Amino acid sequence: MNRIYFDTNIFEDIVKKVIDISTNELNSFTNVAYYISTAHVEEYFIAIKNDSENKYTQYNHNRKVLMSSLNLKGILNPSNTRIKNKPEKFDDCLSRVKQFDTTDIIVQKGRKIRQEQSDFFKNLLSSNPDVQNNSNLDFKEIWDKDEVKRVLAEFPDYVEANNATLFYELQYVYGTHNALKLAPLKKIASFEIKKDCFEEISNQYSLMEIIFEFLHSALNKCGYNRDKKDSTVISGIYDTTHSIYGTYCDYFVSSDDRLRKRISAIYYYLGVPTKVITFSDFLNIADKFK
């Protein structure tokens, strides 16, 4: 049975009829197991929260119905250790997401990361115009670039900065009492980021989270299939989260060419066995019930 993780843009494309397939057809495939994550639910919550004029009520509803109607094997959740598959309903997960609303923190953090990436790339481009061609490299070659190696060497500083703001972020969402309990569990100890370290980090969700965040940022800073629009601040944060949850599955399916290339590079570097594919590739894998 092939474990399948659809990026949010797949659900969006199905609802918009960019991808012409029904829920019944998706559920007719006999050799696939579908998983969504808390990230899908959080993105849905943000969408309805931001739709104050109710312009997208029907669209958001249809997206929720689609995700809820799939024959899901569960909703992937974070834990203190590994990613955990929780056999819960969409609305149960949504209630928890609403209770611990992280939207403001996500927007604040996303804007900061985006500005850092943009400033870094502009400076890099002015000193080395060739970096504008980095996106033409394959997922293996990008890691041999000197500018990427220099950014990777900054990981200890990145961890230190993350630890410095950790308590504030937890306090904002969960309150002081809970933050005091959670902060020691989520604080990242010294770690050397290196190639093929996925097996070592896969049972430490907080460490996975910061490593994936750092690697996405590193590739964006160095111009590798980088996000170019400010409107993708929130989705950029969730690109990282989805790429983490995707490691639970055999296939990560996305309509976003740039994102697929970035995640392919990160999976290669870390030694993640998950394959990153298009929806057409997925259809070639899936078998219909005969």
C-alpha atoms as a PDB file:
ATOM      1  CA  MET A   1       0.000   0.000   0.000  1.00  0.00           C
ATOM      2  CA  ASN A   2       1.452   3.358  -1.078  1.00  0.00           C
ATOM      3  CA  ARG A   3       1.172   6.144   1.478  1.00  0.00           C
ATOM      4  CA  ILE A   4       0.119   9.371  -0.256  1.00  0.00           C
ATOM      5  CA  TYR A   5       0.437  12.939   1.021  1.00  0.00           C
ATOM      6  CA  PHE A   6      -1.235  15.646  -1.076  1.00  0.00           C
ATOM      7  CA  ASP A   7       0.090  19.184  -0.780  1.00  0.00           C
ATOM      8  CA  THR A   8      -2.652  21.766  -0.188  1.00  0.00           C
ATOM      9  CA  ASN A   9      -2.409  22.939  -3.806  1.00  0.00           C
ATOM     10  CA  ILE A  10      -3.628  19.521  -4.988  1.00  0.00           C
ATOM     11  CA  PHE A  11      -6.848  19.915  -3.006  1.00  0.00           C
ATOM     12  CA  GLU A  12      -7.174  23.487  -4.291  1.00  0.00           C
ATOM     13  CA  ASP A  13      -6.726  22.375  -7.903  1.00  0.00           C
ATOM     14  CA  ILE A  14      -9.318  19.618  -7.545  1.00  0.00           C
ATOM     15  CA  VAL A  15     -11.864  22.044  -6.079  1.00  0.00           C
ATOM     16  CA  LYS A  16     -11.137  24.579  -8.841  1.00  0.00           C
ATOM     17  CA  LYS A  17     -11.443  21.813 -11.480  1.00  0.00           C
ATOM     18  CA  VAL A  18      -7.863  22.411 -12.609  1.00  0.00           C
ATOM     19  CA  ILE A  19      -7.520  18.718 -11.810  1.00  0.00           C
ATOM     20  CA  ASP A  20     -10.589  16.893 -13.088  1.00  0.00           C
ATOM     21  CA  ILE A  21     -11.189  14.028 -10.695  1.00  0.00           C
ATOM     22  CA  SER A  22     -13.967  13.125  -8.275  1.00  0.00           C
ATOM     23  CA  THR A  23     -13.743  12.021  -4.664  1.00  0.00           C
ATOM     24  CA  ASN A  24     -15.276   8.693  -5.664  1.00  0.00           C
ATOM     25  CA  GLU A  25     -12.524   8.146  -8.203  1.00  0.00           C
ATOM     26  CA  LEU A  26      -9.827   9.056  -5.685  1.00  0.00           C
ATOM     27  CA  ASN A  27     -11.366   6.592  -3.244  1.00  0.00           C
ATOM     28  CA  SER A  28     -11.547   3.865  -5.891  1.00  0.00           C
ATOM     29  CA  PHE A  29      -7.787   3.390  -6.010  1.00  0.00           C
ATOM     30  CA  THR A  30      -6.946   0.168  -4.213  1.00  0.00           C
ATOM     31  CA  ASN A  31      -3.208   0.514  -3.692  1.00  0.00           C
ATOM     32  CA  VAL A  32      -3.004   3.925  -2.006  1.00  0.00           C
ATOM     33  CA  ALA A  33      -3.531   5.195   1.534  1.00  0.00           C
ATOM     34  CA  TYR A  34      -4.241   8.916   1.950  1.00  0.00           C
ATOM     35  CA  TYR A  35      -2.948  11.045   4.798  1.00  0.00           C
ATOM     36  CA  ILE A  36      -3.476  14.695   5.634  1.00  0.00           C
ATOM     37  CA  SER A  37      -1.943  16.604   8.540  1.00  0.00           C
ATOM     38  CA  THR A  38      -2.693  19.314  11.048  1.00  0.00           C
ATOM     39  CA  ALA A  39      -1.057  21.667   8.515  1.00  0.00           C
ATOM     40  CA  HIS A  40      -3.960  21.122   6.084  1.00  0.00           C
ATOM     41  CA  VAL A  41      -6.436  21.852   8.860  1.00  0.00           C
ATOM     42  CA  GLU A  42      -4.533  24.945  10.004  1.00  0.00           C
ATOM     43  CA  GLU A  43      -4.419  26.335   6.457  1.00  0.00           C
ATOM     44  CA  TYR A  44      -8.165  25.774   6.145  1.00  0.00           C
ATOM     45  CA  PHE A  45      -8.713  27.584   9.459  1.00  0.00           C
ATOM     46  CA  ILE A  46      -6.590  30.534   8.324  1.00  0.00           C
ATOM     47  CA  ALA A  47      -8.531  30.691   5.044  1.00  0.00           C
ATOM     48  CA  ILE A  48     -11.937  30.916   6.745  1.00  0.00           C
ATOM     49  CA  LYS A  49     -10.583  33.280   9.397  1.00  0.00           C
ATOM     50  CA  ASN A  50      -9.277  35.685   6.747  1.00  0.00           C
ATOM     51  CA  ASP A  51     -12.457  35.522   4.647  1.00  0.00           C
ATOM     52  CA  SER A  52     -14.229  38.279   6.591  1.00  0.00           C
ATOM     53  CA  GLU A  53     -16.357  39.273   3.577  1.00  0.00           C
ATOM     54  CA  ASN A  54     -17.380  35.661   2.878  1.00  0.00           C
ATOM     55  CA  LYS A  55     -16.107  35.797  -0.695  1.00  0.00           C
ATOM     56  CA  TYR A  56     -14.696  32.285  -0.565  1.00  0.00           C
ATOM     57  CA  THR A  57     -17.162  30.556   1.743  1.00  0.00           C
ATOM     58  CA  GLN A  58     -18.268  27.969  -0.818  1.00  0.00           C
ATOM     59  CA  TYR A  59     -14.738  27.350  -2.070  1.00  0.00           C
ATOM     60  CA  ASN A  60     -13.389  26.817   1.447  1.00  0.00           C
ATOM     61  CA  HIS A  61     -16.341  24.572   2.281  1.00  0.00           C
ATOM     62  CA  ASN A  62     -15.718  22.465  -0.826  1.00  0.00           C
ATOM     63  CA  ARG A  63     -12.060  22.090   0.097  1.00  0.00           C
ATOM     64  CA  LYS A  64     -12.999  20.904   3.577  1.00  0.00           C
ATOM     65  CA  VAL A  65     -15.574  18.454   2.190  1.00  0.00           C
ATOM     66  CA  LEU A  66     -12.989  17.054  -0.224  1.00  0.00           C
ATOM     67  CA  MET A  67     -10.410  16.464   2.504  1.00  0.00           C
ATOM     68  CA  SER A  68     -13.027  15.042   4.863  1.00  0.00           C
ATOM     69  CA  SER A  69     -14.469  12.726   2.199  1.00  0.00           C
ATOM     70  CA  LEU A  70     -11.224  10.997   1.283  1.00  0.00           C
ATOM     71  CA  ASN A  71     -10.723   7.535   2.716  1.00  0.00           C
ATOM     72  CA  LEU A  72      -8.098   8.874   5.096  1.00  0.00           C
ATOM     73  CA  LYS A  73      -5.888   6.616   7.144  1.00  0.00           C
ATOM     74  CA  GLY A  74      -5.575   9.402   9.686  1.00  0.00           C
ATOM     75  CA  ILE A  75      -4.413  12.942  10.387  1.00  0.00           C
ATOM     76  CA  LEU A  76      -0.688  13.359  10.990  1.00  0.00           C
ATOM     77  CA  ASN A  77       0.197  15.235  14.176  1.00  0.00           C
ATOM     78  CA  PRO A  78       3.431  16.415  15.785  1.00  0.00           C
ATOM     79  CA  SER A  79       4.628  14.924  19.054  1.00  0.00           C
ATOM     80  CA  ASN A  80       7.659  15.167  21.313  1.00  0.00           C
ATOM     81  CA  THR A  81       9.197  12.370  19.256  1.00  0.00           C
ATOM     82  CA  ARG A  82       8.042  11.161  15.847  1.00  0.00           C
ATOM     83  CA  ILE A  83       5.219  12.245  13.585  1.00  0.00           C
ATOM     84  CA  LYS A  84       2.129  10.423  14.833  1.00  0.00           C
ATOM     85  CA  ASN A  85      -0.880   9.309  12.835  1.00  0.00           C
ATOM     86  CA  LYS A  86      -4.030  10.107  14.776  1.00  0.00           C
ATOM     87  CA  PRO A  87      -7.337   8.444  13.748  1.00  0.00           C
ATOM     88  CA  GLU A  88      -9.386  11.593  14.299  1.00  0.00           C
ATOM     89  CA  LYS A  89     -12.028  13.445  12.323  1.00  0.00           C
ATOM     90  CA  PHE A  90     -11.323  16.711  10.499  1.00  0.00           C
ATOM     91  CA  ASP A  91     -13.634  18.703  12.790  1.00  0.00           C
ATOM     92  CA  ASP A  92     -11.993  17.311  15.931  1.00  0.00           C
ATOM     93  CA  CYS A  93      -8.592  18.449  14.688  1.00  0.00           C
ATOM     94  CA  LEU A  94     -10.095  21.801  13.643  1.00  0.00           C
ATOM     95  CA  SER A  95     -11.457  22.383  17.160  1.00  0.00           C
ATOM     96  CA  ARG A  96      -7.985  21.917  18.592  1.00  0.00           C
ATOM     97  CA  VAL A  97      -6.463  24.223  15.971  1.00  0.00           C
ATOM     98  CA  LYS A  98      -9.009  26.925  16.840  1.00  0.00           C
ATOM     99  CA  GLN A  99      -8.266  26.528  20.537  1.00  0.00           C
ATOM    100  CA  PHE A 100      -4.541  27.080  20.004  1.00  0.00           C
ATOM    101  CA  ASP A 101      -4.556  29.718  17.256  1.00  0.00           C
ATOM    102  CA  THR A 102      -1.000  30.224  15.964  1.00  0.00           C
ATOM    103  CA  THR A 103      -1.939  32.512  13.053  1.00  0.00           C
ATOM    104  CA  ASP A 104      -0.320  35.695  14.407  1.00  0.00           C
ATOM    105  CA  ILE A 105       2.934  33.916  15.248  1.00  0.00           C
ATOM    106  CA  ILE A 106       3.008  32.276  11.811  1.00  0.00           C
ATOM    107  CA  VAL A 107       2.496  35.593   9.998  1.00  0.00           C
ATOM    108  CA  GLN A 108       5.087  37.371  12.152  1.00  0.00           C
ATOM    109  CA  LYS A 109       7.646  34.603  11.709  1.00  0.00           C
ATOM    110  CA  GLY A 110       6.880  34.209   8.007  1.00  0.00           C
ATOM    111  CA  ARG A 111       7.428  37.893   7.273  1.00  0.00           C
ATOM    112  CA  LYS A 112      10.708  37.918   9.172  1.00  0.00           C
ATOM    113  CA  ILE A 113      12.006  34.847   7.336  1.00  0.00           C
ATOM    114  CA  ARG A 114      10.838  36.200   3.966  1.00  0.00           C
ATOM    115  CA  GLN A 115      12.579  39.548   4.519  1.00  0.00           C
ATOM    116  CA  GLU A 116      15.810  37.825   5.568  1.00  0.00           C
ATOM    117  CA  GLN A 117      15.700  35.612   2.484  1.00  0.00           C
ATOM    118  CA  SER A 118      14.990  38.523   0.149  1.00  0.00           C
ATOM    119  CA  ASP A 119      17.763  40.722   1.586  1.00  0.00           C
ATOM    120  CA  PHE A 120      20.269  37.868   1.512  1.00  0.00           C
ATOM    121  CA  PHE A 121      19.489  36.965  -2.104  1.00  0.00           C
ATOM    122  CA  LYS A 122      19.712  40.592  -3.280  1.00  0.00           C
ATOM    123  CA  ASN A 123      23.149  40.971  -1.688  1.00  0.00           C
ATOM    124  CA  LEU A 124      24.260  37.620  -3.064  1.00  0.00           C
ATOM    125  CA  LEU A 125      23.034  38.495  -6.543  1.00  0.00           C
ATOM    126  CA  SER A 126      24.875  41.823  -6.552  1.00  0.00           C
ATOM    127  CA  SER A 127      28.170  40.126  -5.705  1.00  0.00           C
ATOM    128  CA  ASN A 128      27.622  36.987  -7.793  1.00  0.00           C
ATOM    129  CA  PRO A 129      25.148  37.377 -10.698  1.00  0.00           C
ATOM    130  CA  ASP A 130      25.545  33.693 -11.581  1.00  0.00           C
ATOM    131  CA  VAL A 131      23.358  32.683  -8.623  1.00  0.00           C
ATOM    132  CA  GLN A 132      20.311  33.622 -10.701  1.00  0.00           C
ATOM    133  CA  ASN A 133      20.971  30.374 -12.570  1.00  0.00           C
ATOM    134  CA  ASN A 134      20.970  28.192  -9.446  1.00  0.00           C
ATOM    135  CA  SER A 135      17.434  26.982 -10.142  1.00  0.00           C
ATOM    136  CA  ASN A 136      18.761  25.249 -13.261  1.00  0.00           C
ATOM    137  CA  LEU A 137      20.820  22.898 -11.092  1.00  0.00           C
ATOM    138  CA  ASP A 138      19.420  19.520 -10.114  1.00  0.00           C
ATOM    139  CA  PHE A 139      18.602  18.551  -6.529  1.00  0.00           C
ATOM    140  CA  LYS A 140      22.082  17.098  -5.991  1.00  0.00           C
ATOM    141  CA  GLU A 141      24.209  19.829  -7.576  1.00  0.00           C
ATOM    142  CA  ILE A 142      22.804  22.718  -5.534  1.00  0.00           C
ATOM    143  CA  TRP A 143      24.470  21.434  -2.365  1.00  0.00           C
ATOM    144  CA  ASP A 144      27.907  21.769  -3.988  1.00  0.00           C
ATOM    145  CA  LYS A 145      27.553  25.533  -4.417  1.00  0.00           C
ATOM    146  CA  ASP A 146      29.848  27.588  -2.169  1.00  0.00           C
ATOM    147  CA  GLU A 147      27.086  30.008  -1.177  1.00  0.00           C
ATOM    148  CA  VAL A 148      24.917  27.115   0.024  1.00  0.00           C
ATOM    149  CA  LYS A 149      27.786  25.632   2.024  1.00  0.00           C
ATOM    150  CA  ARG A 150      28.369  28.996   3.704  1.00  0.00           C
ATOM    151  CA  VAL A 151      24.711  29.263   4.721  1.00  0.00           C
ATOM    152  CA  LEU A 152      24.682  25.692   6.053  1.00  0.00           C
ATOM    153  CA  ALA A 153      27.607  26.578   8.303  1.00  0.00           C
ATOM    154  CA  GLU A 154      25.353  29.137  10.038  1.00  0.00           C
ATOM    155  CA  PHE A 155      23.014  26.479  11.462  1.00  0.00           C
ATOM    156  CA  PRO A 156      24.329  26.766  15.068  1.00  0.00           C
ATOM    157  CA  ASP A 157      23.497  30.492  15.055  1.00  0.00           C
ATOM    158  CA  TYR A 158      20.050  29.711  13.640  1.00  0.00           C
ATOM    159  CA  VAL A 159      19.379  27.249  16.471  1.00  0.00           C
ATOM    160  CA  GLU A 160      20.544  29.762  19.073  1.00  0.00           C
ATOM    161  CA  ALA A 161      18.230  32.452  17.680  1.00  0.00           C
ATOM    162  CA  ASN A 162      15.323  29.993  17.611  1.00  0.00           C
ATOM    163  CA  ASN A 163      15.888  28.989  21.228  1.00  0.00           C
ATOM    164  CA  ALA A 164      15.977  32.660  22.234  1.00  0.00           C
ATOM    165  CA  THR A 165      12.441  33.308  20.911  1.00  0.00           C
ATOM    166  CA  LEU A 166      10.958  29.904  21.730  1.00  0.00           C
ATOM    167  CA  PHE A 167       9.449  30.732  25.124  1.00  0.00           C
ATOM    168  CA  TYR A 168       7.767  33.911  23.830  1.00  0.00           C
ATOM    169  CA  GLU A 169       6.138  32.032  20.934  1.00  0.00           C
ATOM    170  CA  LEU A 170       4.894  29.244  23.202  1.00  0.00           C
ATOM    171  CA  GLN A 171       3.668  31.723  25.806  1.00  0.00           C
ATOM    172  CA  TYR A 172       1.693  33.648  23.170  1.00  0.00           C
ATOM    173  CA  VAL A 173      -0.196  30.522  22.065  1.00  0.00           C
ATOM    174  CA  TYR A 174      -0.412  28.338  25.169  1.00  0.00           C
ATOM    175  CA  GLY A 175      -0.011  30.743  28.090  1.00  0.00           C
ATOM    176  CA  THR A 176       2.828  31.111  30.593  1.00  0.00           C
ATOM    177  CA  HIS A 177       2.087  27.986  32.629  1.00  0.00           C
ATOM    178  CA  ASN A 178       2.103  25.648  29.624  1.00  0.00           C
ATOM    179  CA  ALA A 179       5.022  27.465  27.993  1.00  0.00           C
ATOM    180  CA  LEU A 180       7.169  26.768  31.054  1.00  0.00           C
ATOM    181  CA  LYS A 181       6.461  23.061  30.584  1.00  0.00           C
ATOM    182  CA  LEU A 182       6.833  22.981  26.807  1.00  0.00           C
ATOM    183  CA  ALA A 183       9.919  25.151  26.325  1.00  0.00           C
ATOM    184  CA  PRO A 184      12.430  22.648  27.799  1.00  0.00           C
ATOM    185  CA  LEU A 185      10.961  19.894  25.595  1.00  0.00           C
ATOM    186  CA  LYS A 186      11.192  21.970  22.429  1.00  0.00           C
ATOM    187  CA  LYS A 187      14.532  23.651  23.044  1.00  0.00           C
ATOM    188  CA  ILE A 188      17.073  22.419  20.504  1.00  0.00           C
ATOM    189  CA  ALA A 189      20.390  21.096  21.746  1.00  0.00           C
ATOM    190  CA  SER A 190      23.576  21.564  19.751  1.00  0.00           C
ATOM    191  CA  PHE A 191      23.396  19.545  16.529  1.00  0.00           C
ATOM    192  CA  GLU A 192      25.615  19.309  13.465  1.00  0.00           C
ATOM    193  CA  ILE A 193      23.500  19.427  10.342  1.00  0.00           C
ATOM    194  CA  LYS A 194      24.897  17.010   7.804  1.00  0.00           C
ATOM    195  CA  LYS A 195      24.006  14.907   4.799  1.00  0.00           C
ATOM    196  CA  ASP A 196      21.917  11.749   5.315  1.00  0.00           C
ATOM    197  CA  CYS A 197      20.986  12.588   8.910  1.00  0.00           C
ATOM    198  CA  PHE A 198      17.249  11.919   8.544  1.00  0.00           C
ATOM    199  CA  GLU A 199      17.268   8.624  10.416  1.00  0.00           C
ATOM    200  CA  GLU A 200      18.990  10.383  13.307  1.00  0.00           C
ATOM    201  CA  ILE A 201      16.498  13.260  13.489  1.00  0.00           C
ATOM    202  CA  SER A 202      13.264  11.471  12.537  1.00  0.00           C
ATOM    203  CA  ASN A 203      12.367  10.686  16.157  1.00  0.00           C
ATOM    204  CA  GLN A 204      12.865  14.301  17.301  1.00  0.00           C
ATOM    205  CA  TYR A 205      10.056  16.390  15.814  1.00  0.00           C
ATOM    206  CA  SER A 206      11.283  19.751  17.139  1.00  0.00           C
ATOM    207  CA  LEU A 207      14.711  19.128  15.639  1.00  0.00           C
ATOM    208  CA  MET A 208      13.169  18.072  12.335  1.00  0.00           C
ATOM    209  CA  GLU A 209      11.086  21.218  12.352  1.00  0.00           C
ATOM    210  CA  ILE A 210      14.010  23.603  12.703  1.00  0.00           C
ATOM    211  CA  ILE A 211      16.220  21.676  10.258  1.00  0.00           C
ATOM    212  CA  PHE A 212      13.563  21.652   7.533  1.00  0.00           C
ATOM    213  CA  GLU A 213      12.808  25.319   8.171  1.00  0.00           C
ATOM    214  CA  PHE A 214      16.506  26.151   7.943  1.00  0.00           C
ATOM    215  CA  LEU A 215      17.066  24.166   4.728  1.00  0.00           C
ATOM    216  CA  HIS A 216      14.048  25.702   2.984  1.00  0.00           C
ATOM    217  CA  SER A 217      15.346  29.123   3.992  1.00  0.00           C
ATOM    218  CA  ALA A 218      18.889  28.296   2.860  1.00  0.00           C
ATOM    219  CA  LEU A 219      17.728  27.267  -0.605  1.00  0.00           C
ATOM    220  CA  ASN A 220      15.513  30.345  -0.907  1.00  0.00           C
ATOM    221  CA  LYS A 221      18.385  32.602   0.173  1.00  0.00           C
ATOM    222  CA  CYS A 222      20.616  31.087  -2.502  1.00  0.00           C
ATOM    223  CA  GLY A 223      18.011  31.459  -5.231  1.00  0.00           C
ATOM    224  CA  TYR A 224      17.145  27.796  -5.660  1.00  0.00           C
ATOM    225  CA  ASN A 225      13.543  27.760  -6.929  1.00  0.00           C
ATOM    226  CA  ARG A 226      12.803  30.494  -4.442  1.00  0.00           C
ATOM    227  CA  ASP A 227       9.391  31.924  -3.563  1.00  0.00           C
ATOM    228  CA  LYS A 228       9.131  35.324  -5.208  1.00  0.00           C
ATOM    229  CA  LYS A 229       5.775  36.661  -3.996  1.00  0.00           C
ATOM    230  CA  ASP A 230       5.076  38.291  -0.646  1.00  0.00           C
ATOM    231  CA  SER A 231       1.584  36.771  -0.816  1.00  0.00           C
ATOM    232  CA  THR A 232       3.146  33.374  -0.146  1.00  0.00           C
ATOM    233  CA  VAL A 233       4.400  34.295   3.343  1.00  0.00           C
ATOM    234  CA  ILE A 234       1.959  31.994   5.153  1.00  0.00           C
ATOM    235  CA  SER A 235       1.990  29.273   2.516  1.00  0.00           C
ATOM    236  CA  GLY A 236       5.794  29.391   2.642  1.00  0.00           C
ATOM    237  CA  ILE A 237       5.706  28.484   6.320  1.00  0.00           C
ATOM    238  CA  TYR A 238       3.339  25.631   5.552  1.00  0.00           C
ATOM    239  CA  ASP A 239       5.521  24.452   2.664  1.00  0.00           C
ATOM    240  CA  THR A 240       8.040  23.607   5.358  1.00  0.00           C
ATOM    241  CA  THR A 241       5.463  21.902   7.565  1.00  0.00           C
ATOM    242  CA  HIS A 242       4.002  19.866   4.708  1.00  0.00           C
ATOM    243  CA  SER A 243       7.474  18.734   3.663  1.00  0.00           C
ATOM    244  CA  ILE A 244       8.021  17.425   7.203  1.00  0.00           C
ATOM    245  CA  TYR A 245       4.732  15.520   7.336  1.00  0.00           C
ATOM    246  CA  GLY A 246       5.410  14.218   3.832  1.00  0.00           C
ATOM    247  CA  THR A 247       8.299  12.177   5.228  1.00  0.00           C
ATOM    248  CA  TYR A 248       5.718   9.880   6.860  1.00  0.00           C
ATOM    249  CA  CYS A 249       4.543   8.804   3.408  1.00  0.00           C
ATOM    250  CA  ASP A 250       5.954   7.157   0.300  1.00  0.00           C
ATOM    251  CA  TYR A 251       4.910   9.985  -2.019  1.00  0.00           C
ATOM    252  CA  PHE A 252       4.573  13.748  -1.611  1.00  0.00           C
ATOM    253  CA  VAL A 253       2.313  15.086  -4.390  1.00  0.00           C
ATOM    254  CA  SER A 254       2.383  18.778  -5.369  1.00  0.00           C
ATOM    255  CA  SER A 255       1.335  21.007  -8.291  1.00  0.00           C
ATOM    256  CA  ASP A 256       4.040  23.566  -7.453  1.00  0.00           C
ATOM    257  CA  ASP A 257       7.115  22.988  -9.628  1.00  0.00           C
ATOM    258  CA  ARG A 258       9.404  25.188  -7.527  1.00  0.00           C
ATOM    259  CA  LEU A 259       8.302  23.573  -4.293  1.00  0.00           C
ATOM    260  CA  ARG A 260       8.751  20.066  -5.698  1.00  0.00           C
ATOM    261  CA  LYS A 261      12.313  20.879  -6.719  1.00  0.00           C
ATOM    262  CA  ARG A 262      13.129  22.429  -3.342  1.00  0.00           C
ATOM    263  CA  ILE A 263      11.674  19.546  -1.357  1.00  0.00           C
ATOM    264  CA  SER A 264      13.386  17.016  -3.639  1.00  0.00           C
ATOM    265  CA  ALA A 265      16.700  18.714  -2.859  1.00  0.00           C
ATOM    266  CA  ILE A 266      16.017  18.689   0.889  1.00  0.00           C
ATOM    267  CA  TYR A 267      14.888  15.054   0.898  1.00  0.00           C
ATOM    268  CA  TYR A 268      18.021  14.116  -1.045  1.00  0.00           C
ATOM    269  CA  TYR A 269      20.307  16.004   1.327  1.00  0.00           C
ATOM    270  CA  LEU A 270      18.760  14.532   4.470  1.00  0.00           C
ATOM    271  CA  GLY A 271      18.310  11.029   3.057  1.00  0.00           C
ATOM    272  CA  VAL A 272      14.495  10.993   3.168  1.00  0.00           C
ATOM    273  CA  PRO A 273      13.151   8.067   1.082  1.00  0.00           C
ATOM    274  CA  THR A 274       9.880   9.850   0.179  1.00  0.00           C
ATOM    275  CA  LYS A 275       9.503  10.601  -3.545  1.00  0.00           C
ATOM    276  CA  VAL A 276       8.243  14.032  -4.654  1.00  0.00           C
ATOM    277  CA  ILE A 277       5.890  13.763  -7.640  1.00  0.00           C
ATOM    278  CA  THR A 278       3.217  15.493  -9.727  1.00  0.00           C
ATOM    279  CA  PHE A 279      -0.461  14.523  -9.727  1.00  0.00           C
ATOM    280  CA  SER A 280       0.017  12.909 -13.147  1.00  0.00           C
ATOM    281  CA  ASP A 281       2.762  10.769 -11.632  1.00  0.00           C
ATOM    282  CA  PHE A 282       0.368   9.853  -8.836  1.00  0.00           C
ATOM    283  CA  LEU A 283      -2.249   8.671 -11.349  1.00  0.00           C
ATOM    284  CA  ASN A 284       0.351   6.397 -12.910  1.00  0.00           C
ATOM    285  CA  ILE A 285       0.975   4.833  -9.497  1.00  0.00           C
ATOM    286  CA  ALA A 286      -2.644   4.489  -8.398  1.00  0.00           C
ATOM    287  CA  ASP A 287      -4.691   1.472  -9.496  1.00  0.00           C
ATOM    288  CA  LYS A 288      -8.430   1.729  -9.957  1.00  0.00           C
ATOM    289  CA  PHE A 289     -10.666  -0.952  -8.547  1.00  0.00           C
ATOM    290  CA  LYS A 290     -11.634  -3.282 -11.369  1.00  0.00           C
END
